Amino acid sequence: MKPKVNIGGQAVIEGVMMRGPEHIATAVRQPDGTITVNKEPLFSWTQRYPILKKPLLRGVVALIESLVYGLKALSYSAQMAGEEGEEISSKEIAITMMFSFGLAILLFVIVPTYGAKFIHSSVSDPRMLNLLEGLIRLTIFFLYVGGISRIKDIQRVFQYHGAEHKTVFAYEAQLELTVENVRPFSTLHPRCGTNFLLIVMLVSIFVFSFLGWPSIWIRIASRIVLLPLVAGLSYEILRFFGNSEQGWVRTLMLPGLWLQKLTTRQPSDDQIEVAIAALNAVRPALTDVNEVNDHA
């Protein structure tokens, strides 16, 4: 019987961050070869405000919290790996998030909708224009992922990403978390954030198709306003896909798993050890806790 608690996380610089039902931990391989683990209590907005656990709302909260905890984990890992002198402040985290959001809006909202206007002279159907805009957005996304996957330092992070997935798989199989038990598992996990991003791209095409084809500024504004809805719907789809064993669902998940071949690499045994250390720090004492984290 599989545990009811899903644990997930992300790769960081020379390490892995794992998030459990009550704690979040970042394990990092230091320059001297030792593994350091930073474990902190998890304070989710959904625990303070139960209404945020409702469908659609919980997806937006999960996305924001993942960004915040992810940046903190990256900061800690950079410090422990000897790449920075000190951790970034809350203000710097906020600025980084705003910059990242602005860059995402530029690449995946402004550029696609502006680019689609050049097709307007030959295509007048609003639904077809929105479809073409979505295809431009998907193309930019694939080029972006493919481009960063060629960077040597990023490839090492992607190895830790693979170690994270393998370790989560072993935990879900209720195996003892040893390198030997973790090593055979796949680096491709159905609850990966890569899958989530791909679902966001596809869901946005569906949602935006109902908006017609107004002026470019209204198009840009409407897409930004509807991003929480798109994120919420995408989260619910990923949640359903990740917990389903049905064959047709597995078939629909294949594109997301194939995309993970770009964002994961086979890890070394040393990297698996780091992922195991992170997961052991957050795993619950019992496997019947009902809190769920849906990002592997």
Protein backbone atom coordinates (compact mmCIF):
# COMPACT_ATOMS: atom_id res chain seq x y z
CA MET A 1 0.00 0.00 0.00
CA LYS A 2 1.42 3.37 -1.01
CA PRO A 3 1.72 6.17 1.53
CA LYS A 4 -1.03 8.78 1.46
CA VAL A 5 1.49 11.56 1.98
CA ASN A 6 3.09 12.85 -1.20
CA ILE A 7 6.49 14.44 -0.79
CA GLY A 8 7.99 16.62 -3.47
CA GLY A 9 10.54 19.32 -3.99
CA GLN A 10 13.08 20.68 -6.42
CA ALA A 11 16.74 20.56 -7.33
CA VAL A 12 19.00 23.36 -6.12
CA ILE A 13 22.71 24.17 -6.42
CA GLU A 14 24.57 20.98 -5.42
CA GLY A 15 21.52 19.75 -3.59
CA VAL A 16 17.83 18.99 -3.27
CA MET A 17 14.96 20.64 -1.43
CA MET A 18 12.13 18.41 -0.21
CA ARG A 19 8.76 19.50 1.13
CA GLY A 20 6.72 17.27 3.41
CA PRO A 21 3.45 17.79 5.30
CA GLU A 22 5.08 19.57 8.26
CA HIS A 23 8.64 20.47 7.30
CA ILE A 24 10.76 21.64 4.41
CA ALA A 25 14.43 20.64 4.14
CA THR A 26 17.32 21.50 1.85
CA ALA A 27 20.27 19.11 1.66
CA VAL A 28 23.48 20.32 0.03
CA ARG A 29 26.80 18.67 -0.77
CA GLN A 30 29.45 21.05 0.55
CA PRO A 31 32.88 21.54 -1.07
CA ASP A 32 34.49 19.28 1.57
CA GLY A 33 32.17 16.43 0.59
CA THR A 34 29.90 16.49 3.63
CA ILE A 35 26.12 16.88 3.40
CA THR A 36 24.47 19.71 5.31
CA VAL A 37 20.71 19.73 5.89
CA ASN A 38 18.63 22.79 6.73
CA LYS A 39 15.22 21.78 8.12
CA GLU A 40 12.46 24.25 8.90
CA PRO A 41 8.78 24.04 9.90
CA LEU A 42 6.37 24.43 7.01
CA PHE A 43 3.86 27.25 7.38
CA SER A 44 1.37 27.07 4.52
CA TRP A 45 -1.30 29.69 3.90
CA THR A 46 -3.77 26.83 3.47
CA GLN A 47 -3.27 25.88 7.13
CA ARG A 48 -4.01 29.41 8.32
CA TYR A 49 -6.88 30.03 5.90
CA PRO A 50 -8.76 26.77 5.17
CA ILE A 51 -10.71 28.39 2.31
CA LEU A 52 -7.47 28.39 0.33
CA LYS A 53 -7.66 24.59 0.22
CA LYS A 54 -10.59 24.83 -2.18
CA PRO A 55 -10.04 23.77 -5.82
CA LEU A 56 -8.47 26.43 -8.05
CA LEU A 57 -7.42 28.54 -5.04
CA ARG A 58 -5.05 25.86 -3.73
CA GLY A 59 -3.24 25.76 -7.05
CA VAL A 60 -2.44 29.48 -6.96
CA VAL A 61 -1.28 29.20 -3.34
CA ALA A 62 0.89 26.17 -4.15
CA LEU A 63 2.54 28.02 -7.03
CA ILE A 64 3.35 31.11 -4.96
CA GLU A 65 4.62 29.08 -2.01
CA SER A 66 6.76 26.94 -4.32
CA LEU A 67 8.39 30.06 -5.74
CA VAL A 68 9.08 31.52 -2.27
CA TYR A 69 10.43 28.31 -0.74
CA GLY A 70 12.32 27.51 -3.92
CA LEU A 71 14.16 30.84 -3.90
CA LYS A 72 15.03 30.43 -0.22
CA ALA A 73 16.36 26.93 -0.90
CA LEU A 74 18.42 28.18 -3.84
CA SER A 75 19.88 30.92 -1.67
CA TYR A 76 20.82 28.48 1.07
CA SER A 77 22.30 25.98 -1.38
CA ALA A 78 24.41 28.68 -3.04
CA GLN A 79 25.81 29.69 0.34
CA MET A 80 26.56 26.11 1.42
CA ALA A 81 28.08 25.23 -1.96
CA GLY A 82 30.44 28.17 -1.60
CA GLU A 83 29.05 30.22 -4.50
CA GLU A 84 27.78 33.21 -2.54
CA GLY A 85 28.84 35.02 0.62
CA GLU A 86 25.43 35.26 2.25
CA GLU A 87 21.81 34.31 1.85
CA ILE A 88 19.47 36.69 0.10
CA SER A 89 17.04 38.76 2.15
CA SER A 90 13.23 38.70 2.01
CA LYS A 91 13.35 41.95 0.04
CA GLU A 92 15.72 40.44 -2.50
CA ILE A 93 13.47 37.38 -2.77
CA ALA A 94 10.50 39.64 -3.52
CA ILE A 95 12.49 41.56 -6.14
CA THR A 96 13.65 38.31 -7.75
CA MET A 97 10.08 37.02 -7.87
CA MET A 98 8.87 40.27 -9.46
CA PHE A 99 11.66 40.12 -12.04
CA SER A 100 10.93 36.46 -12.82
CA PHE A 101 7.22 37.21 -13.16
CA GLY A 102 7.97 40.15 -15.47
CA LEU A 103 10.26 38.02 -17.63
CA ALA A 104 7.61 35.29 -17.84
CA ILE A 105 5.00 37.87 -18.89
CA LEU A 106 7.35 39.19 -21.57
CA LEU A 107 8.27 35.79 -23.01
CA PHE A 108 4.97 33.94 -22.68
CA VAL A 109 2.34 36.68 -22.92
CA ILE A 110 3.59 39.80 -24.71
CA VAL A 111 5.81 38.18 -27.33
CA PRO A 112 3.27 35.48 -28.40
CA THR A 113 0.26 37.78 -28.58
CA TYR A 114 2.26 40.48 -30.36
CA GLY A 115 3.70 37.94 -32.77
CA ALA A 116 0.26 36.54 -33.57
CA LYS A 117 -0.94 39.93 -34.80
CA PHE A 118 1.20 39.52 -37.93
CA ILE A 119 -0.98 36.54 -38.88
CA HIS A 120 -4.16 38.56 -38.44
CA SER A 121 -4.12 39.75 -42.03
CA SER A 122 -4.51 36.17 -43.34
CA VAL A 123 -6.47 34.62 -40.45
CA SER A 124 -9.61 36.26 -39.06
CA ASP A 125 -11.14 33.54 -36.86
CA PRO A 126 -10.45 34.58 -33.21
CA ARG A 127 -10.21 30.97 -32.06
CA MET A 128 -7.65 30.18 -34.74
CA LEU A 129 -5.65 33.30 -33.81
CA ASN A 130 -5.66 32.27 -30.16
CA LEU A 131 -4.57 28.78 -31.18
CA LEU A 132 -1.69 30.19 -33.22
CA GLU A 133 -0.73 32.44 -30.32
CA GLY A 134 -0.68 29.36 -28.09
CA LEU A 135 1.54 27.52 -30.55
CA ILE A 136 3.98 30.45 -30.54
CA ARG A 137 3.95 30.33 -26.73
CA LEU A 138 4.65 26.60 -26.76
CA THR A 139 7.50 27.06 -29.24
CA ILE A 140 9.12 29.71 -27.03
CA PHE A 141 8.71 27.41 -24.03
CA PHE A 142 10.34 24.45 -25.78
CA LEU A 143 13.19 26.63 -27.06
CA TYR A 144 13.73 28.03 -23.58
CA VAL A 145 13.83 24.61 -21.89
CA GLY A 146 15.99 23.16 -24.65
CA GLY A 147 18.36 26.12 -24.47
CA ILE A 148 18.97 26.03 -20.72
CA SER A 149 19.32 22.24 -20.81
CA ARG A 150 22.55 22.72 -22.80
CA ILE A 151 24.21 24.83 -20.11
CA LYS A 152 26.79 22.76 -18.25
CA ASP A 153 26.00 24.08 -14.75
CA ILE A 154 22.28 23.61 -15.34
CA GLN A 155 22.87 20.04 -16.44
CA ARG A 156 24.34 19.32 -13.01
CA VAL A 157 21.23 20.81 -11.38
CA PHE A 158 19.16 18.56 -13.64
CA GLN A 159 21.10 15.57 -12.28
CA TYR A 160 19.92 16.52 -8.80
CA HIS A 161 16.44 16.88 -10.29
CA GLY A 162 16.69 13.28 -11.42
CA ALA A 163 17.94 12.24 -7.97
CA GLU A 164 14.93 13.95 -6.40
CA HIS A 165 12.48 12.06 -8.62
CA LYS A 166 14.16 8.70 -8.07
CA THR A 167 14.13 9.17 -4.30
CA VAL A 168 10.46 10.18 -4.26
CA PHE A 169 9.62 7.08 -6.32
CA ALA A 170 11.46 4.85 -3.84
CA TYR A 171 9.64 6.51 -0.94
CA GLU A 172 6.28 6.01 -2.65
CA ALA A 173 7.17 2.33 -3.12
CA GLN A 174 7.81 2.16 0.66
CA LEU A 175 11.36 0.95 0.17
CA GLU A 176 14.21 1.64 2.54
CA LEU A 177 15.90 4.77 1.25
CA THR A 178 19.32 3.50 0.23
CA VAL A 179 21.30 4.35 -2.88
CA GLU A 180 20.87 0.77 -4.11
CA ASN A 181 17.08 0.92 -3.75
CA VAL A 182 16.74 4.41 -5.26
CA ARG A 183 19.08 4.00 -8.23
CA PRO A 184 16.84 1.76 -10.47
CA PHE A 185 13.86 4.15 -10.49
CA SER A 186 13.00 6.51 -13.33
CA THR A 187 13.99 10.18 -13.40
CA LEU A 188 10.58 11.02 -14.91
CA HIS A 189 7.85 11.71 -12.34
CA PRO A 190 4.18 12.48 -13.12
CA ARG A 191 3.94 15.27 -10.51
CA CYS A 192 6.97 17.17 -11.76
CA GLY A 193 6.87 20.94 -12.13
CA THR A 194 7.89 20.49 -15.77
CA ASN A 195 4.57 18.72 -16.35
CA PHE A 196 2.80 21.58 -14.62
CA LEU A 197 4.35 24.18 -16.91
CA LEU A 198 3.40 22.22 -20.01
CA ILE A 199 -0.18 21.88 -18.74
CA VAL A 200 -0.24 25.64 -18.10
CA MET A 201 0.72 26.26 -21.73
CA LEU A 202 -2.06 23.99 -23.00
CA VAL A 203 -4.74 25.19 -20.58
CA SER A 204 -3.98 28.81 -21.49
CA ILE A 205 -4.84 28.05 -25.12
CA PHE A 206 -8.25 26.73 -24.04
CA VAL A 207 -9.01 29.58 -21.61
CA PHE A 208 -7.86 32.38 -23.91
CA SER A 209 -9.86 30.99 -26.84
CA PHE A 210 -13.03 32.40 -25.22
CA LEU A 211 -11.70 35.96 -25.19
CA GLY A 212 -12.01 36.79 -28.86
CA TRP A 213 -9.33 38.96 -30.48
CA PRO A 214 -9.53 42.53 -29.06
CA SER A 215 -6.73 45.12 -29.17
CA ILE A 216 -3.24 44.01 -28.18
CA TRP A 217 -3.33 45.87 -24.83
CA ILE A 218 -6.63 44.26 -23.86
CA ARG A 219 -5.25 40.88 -24.90
CA ILE A 220 -2.15 41.32 -22.75
CA ALA A 221 -4.16 42.61 -19.76
CA SER A 222 -6.75 39.82 -20.02
CA ARG A 223 -4.07 37.13 -20.13
CA ILE A 224 -2.33 38.52 -17.05
CA VAL A 225 -5.64 38.79 -15.15
CA LEU A 226 -6.57 35.21 -16.03
CA LEU A 227 -3.19 33.71 -15.06
CA PRO A 228 -4.45 32.67 -11.57
CA LEU A 229 -7.35 30.82 -13.20
CA VAL A 230 -4.99 29.11 -15.65
CA ALA A 231 -2.63 28.14 -12.81
CA GLY A 232 -5.51 26.87 -10.67
CA LEU A 233 -6.95 24.72 -13.45
CA SER A 234 -3.50 23.37 -14.36
CA TYR A 235 -2.83 22.42 -10.75
CA GLU A 236 -6.09 20.47 -10.52
CA ILE A 237 -5.28 18.62 -13.75
CA LEU A 238 -1.77 17.78 -12.53
CA ARG A 239 -3.17 16.65 -9.18
CA PHE A 240 -5.65 14.35 -10.92
CA PHE A 241 -3.07 13.00 -13.34
CA GLY A 242 -0.51 12.41 -10.59
CA ASN A 243 -2.94 10.36 -8.48
CA SER A 244 -4.56 8.37 -11.28
CA GLU A 245 -3.57 4.89 -12.43
CA GLN A 246 -5.92 4.82 -15.43
CA GLY A 247 -4.38 3.96 -18.78
CA TRP A 248 -5.83 6.89 -20.73
CA VAL A 249 -4.50 9.29 -18.10
CA ARG A 250 -1.03 7.78 -18.39
CA THR A 251 -1.21 8.25 -22.14
CA LEU A 252 -2.10 11.94 -21.78
CA MET A 253 0.84 12.38 -19.40
CA LEU A 254 3.40 11.11 -21.90
CA PRO A 255 4.27 14.53 -23.45
CA GLY A 256 5.07 15.91 -19.98
CA LEU A 257 7.22 12.88 -19.19
CA TRP A 258 9.04 13.20 -22.52
CA LEU A 259 9.71 16.87 -21.77
CA GLN A 260 11.35 15.83 -18.49
CA LYS A 261 14.04 14.15 -20.55
CA LEU A 262 15.32 17.71 -21.04
CA THR A 263 14.99 18.79 -17.40
CA THR A 264 16.38 15.68 -15.69
CA ARG A 265 19.63 13.72 -15.99
CA GLN A 266 20.80 10.45 -14.51
CA PRO A 267 22.34 11.29 -11.11
CA SER A 268 25.47 9.93 -9.51
CA ASP A 269 25.30 7.91 -6.29
CA ASP A 270 26.65 10.94 -4.39
CA GLN A 271 23.75 13.03 -5.67
CA ILE A 272 21.24 10.35 -4.71
CA GLU A 273 22.66 10.42 -1.18
CA VAL A 274 21.87 14.14 -0.98
CA ALA A 275 18.29 13.60 -2.13
CA ILE A 276 17.85 10.82 0.42
CA ALA A 277 19.11 13.10 3.19
CA ALA A 278 16.58 15.77 2.21
CA LEU A 279 13.65 13.36 2.06
CA ASN A 280 14.53 11.66 5.34
CA ALA A 281 14.44 15.07 7.02
CA VAL A 282 10.81 15.73 6.03
CA ARG A 283 9.19 12.30 5.85
CA PRO A 284 6.39 11.88 8.40
CA ALA A 285 6.66 9.33 11.17
CA LEU A 286 3.48 7.63 9.91
CA THR A 287 2.21 7.15 6.35
CA ASP A 288 -1.43 7.93 7.04
CA VAL A 289 -1.19 11.71 7.28
CA ASN A 290 -3.70 13.39 5.01
CA GLU A 291 -1.74 16.51 4.06
CA VAL A 292 -0.59 16.32 0.46
CA ASN A 293 2.07 18.17 -1.48
CA ASP A 294 1.63 17.72 -5.21
CA HIS A 295 4.92 18.85 -6.65
CA ALA A 296 7.63 16.23 -7.16
